[in-house]
Amino acid sequence: MSCEFDYDLTADQWEALKALRLPAAKRGNLRRFVVEQLTGLELAAMHGDLAVLTPLGRKVLIRGSSSLWDVAA
């Protein structure tokens, strides 16, 4: 797997990343600390008070992580 998309995210970070795909009204409350971590990794960005996926975040989410692939195998 390319190192470009290999992130060792926690379960909370993965869940928040997946939740960012949903419209804001359907997301529920995302933990601010986790969103800040994703923003620091450039997987999410803030637009006002709304967190959104970045293009890199979409790629990582689609590609998954090597640890997720290991679990699925």
C-alpha atoms as a PDB file:
ATOM      1  CA  MET A   1       0.000   0.000   0.000  1.00  0.00           C
ATOM      2  CA  SER A   2       1.218   3.464  -0.786  1.00  0.00           C
ATOM      3  CA  CYS A   3       2.494   5.367   2.222  1.00  0.00           C
ATOM      4  CA  GLU A   4       0.651   8.388   0.869  1.00  0.00           C
ATOM      5  CA  PHE A   5      -2.670   6.960   2.085  1.00  0.00           C
ATOM      6  CA  ASP A   6      -1.539   4.782   4.986  1.00  0.00           C
ATOM      7  CA  TYR A   7      -2.780   6.457   8.151  1.00  0.00           C
ATOM      8  CA  ASP A   8      -2.867   4.772  11.539  1.00  0.00           C
ATOM      9  CA  LEU A   9      -6.159   6.291  12.667  1.00  0.00           C
ATOM     10  CA  THR A  10      -7.958   5.406  15.862  1.00  0.00           C
ATOM     11  CA  ALA A  11     -11.466   3.960  15.784  1.00  0.00           C
ATOM     12  CA  ASP A  12     -12.861   7.362  16.805  1.00  0.00           C
ATOM     13  CA  GLN A  13     -10.992   9.072  13.977  1.00  0.00           C
ATOM     14  CA  TRP A  14     -12.283   6.546  11.422  1.00  0.00           C
ATOM     15  CA  GLU A  15     -15.850   6.958  12.668  1.00  0.00           C
ATOM     16  CA  ALA A  16     -15.584  10.750  12.485  1.00  0.00           C
ATOM     17  CA  LEU A  17     -14.066  10.552   9.000  1.00  0.00           C
ATOM     18  CA  LYS A  18     -16.943   8.326   7.866  1.00  0.00           C
ATOM     19  CA  ALA A  19     -19.484  10.653   9.499  1.00  0.00           C
ATOM     20  CA  LEU A  20     -18.120  13.614   7.559  1.00  0.00           C
ATOM     21  CA  ARG A  21     -19.508  12.028   4.380  1.00  0.00           C
ATOM     22  CA  LEU A  22     -23.042  12.625   5.651  1.00  0.00           C
ATOM     23  CA  PRO A  23     -24.945  15.900   5.400  1.00  0.00           C
ATOM     24  CA  ALA A  24     -24.425  18.066   8.491  1.00  0.00           C
ATOM     25  CA  ALA A  25     -28.012  17.513   9.676  1.00  0.00           C
ATOM     26  CA  LYS A  26     -27.501  13.725   9.800  1.00  0.00           C
ATOM     27  CA  ARG A  27     -24.046  13.596  11.399  1.00  0.00           C
ATOM     28  CA  GLY A  28     -24.959  13.999  15.008  1.00  0.00           C
ATOM     29  CA  ASN A  29     -22.340  15.454  17.317  1.00  0.00           C
ATOM     30  CA  LEU A  30     -18.754  14.880  16.300  1.00  0.00           C
ATOM     31  CA  ARG A  31     -16.149  15.106  19.025  1.00  0.00           C
ATOM     32  CA  ARG A  32     -14.329  18.376  18.477  1.00  0.00           C
ATOM     33  CA  PHE A  33     -10.990  16.936  19.593  1.00  0.00           C
ATOM     34  CA  VAL A  34     -11.208  14.161  16.991  1.00  0.00           C
ATOM     35  CA  VAL A  35     -12.177  16.628  14.254  1.00  0.00           C
ATOM     36  CA  GLU A  36      -9.200  18.799  15.227  1.00  0.00           C
ATOM     37  CA  GLN A  37      -6.932  15.758  14.878  1.00  0.00           C
ATOM     38  CA  LEU A  38      -8.329  15.045  11.405  1.00  0.00           C
ATOM     39  CA  THR A  39      -7.866  18.701  10.500  1.00  0.00           C
ATOM     40  CA  GLY A  40      -4.256  18.503  11.649  1.00  0.00           C
ATOM     41  CA  LEU A  41      -3.727  15.517   9.347  1.00  0.00           C
ATOM     42  CA  GLU A  42      -5.382  17.515   6.521  1.00  0.00           C
ATOM     43  CA  LEU A  43      -8.117  14.880   6.203  1.00  0.00           C
ATOM     44  CA  ALA A  44     -10.786  17.396   7.207  1.00  0.00           C
ATOM     45  CA  ALA A  45     -11.126  21.152   7.051  1.00  0.00           C
ATOM     46  CA  MET A  46     -13.294  23.680   8.821  1.00  0.00           C
ATOM     47  CA  HIS A  47     -15.657  25.916   6.872  1.00  0.00           C
ATOM     48  CA  GLY A  48     -16.994  28.213   9.538  1.00  0.00           C
ATOM     49  CA  ASP A  49     -18.359  25.889  12.215  1.00  0.00           C
ATOM     50  CA  LEU A  50     -18.785  22.983   9.800  1.00  0.00           C
ATOM     51  CA  ALA A  51     -16.194  20.228   9.346  1.00  0.00           C
ATOM     52  CA  VAL A  52     -15.871  18.844   5.814  1.00  0.00           C
ATOM     53  CA  LEU A  53     -13.774  16.166   4.163  1.00  0.00           C
ATOM     54  CA  THR A  54     -10.801  17.322   2.150  1.00  0.00           C
ATOM     55  CA  PRO A  55      -9.879  15.613  -1.133  1.00  0.00           C
ATOM     56  CA  LEU A  56      -7.130  13.785   0.780  1.00  0.00           C
ATOM     57  CA  GLY A  57      -9.657  12.722   3.422  1.00  0.00           C
ATOM     58  CA  ARG A  58     -11.880  11.252   0.703  1.00  0.00           C
ATOM     59  CA  LYS A  59      -8.964   9.298  -0.752  1.00  0.00           C
ATOM     60  CA  VAL A  60      -7.954   7.949   2.653  1.00  0.00           C
ATOM     61  CA  LEU A  61     -11.534   7.002   3.456  1.00  0.00           C
ATOM     62  CA  ILE A  62     -12.001   5.179   0.154  1.00  0.00           C
ATOM     63  CA  ARG A  63      -8.620   3.516   0.278  1.00  0.00           C
ATOM     64  CA  GLY A  64      -8.856   2.577   3.950  1.00  0.00           C
ATOM     65  CA  SER A  65      -5.910   1.746   6.111  1.00  0.00           C
ATOM     66  CA  SER A  66      -3.648  -1.261   6.105  1.00  0.00           C
ATOM     67  CA  SER A  67      -4.918  -2.165   9.566  1.00  0.00           C
ATOM     68  CA  LEU A  68      -8.499  -2.257   8.256  1.00  0.00           C
ATOM     69  CA  TRP A  69      -7.455  -4.499   5.389  1.00  0.00           C
ATOM     70  CA  ASP A  70      -5.760  -6.865   7.852  1.00  0.00           C
ATOM     71  CA  VAL A  71      -8.975  -7.173   9.866  1.00  0.00           C
ATOM     72  CA  ALA A  72     -11.037  -7.889   6.763  1.00  0.00           C
ATOM     73  CA  ALA A  73      -8.688 -10.632   5.545  1.00  0.00           C
END
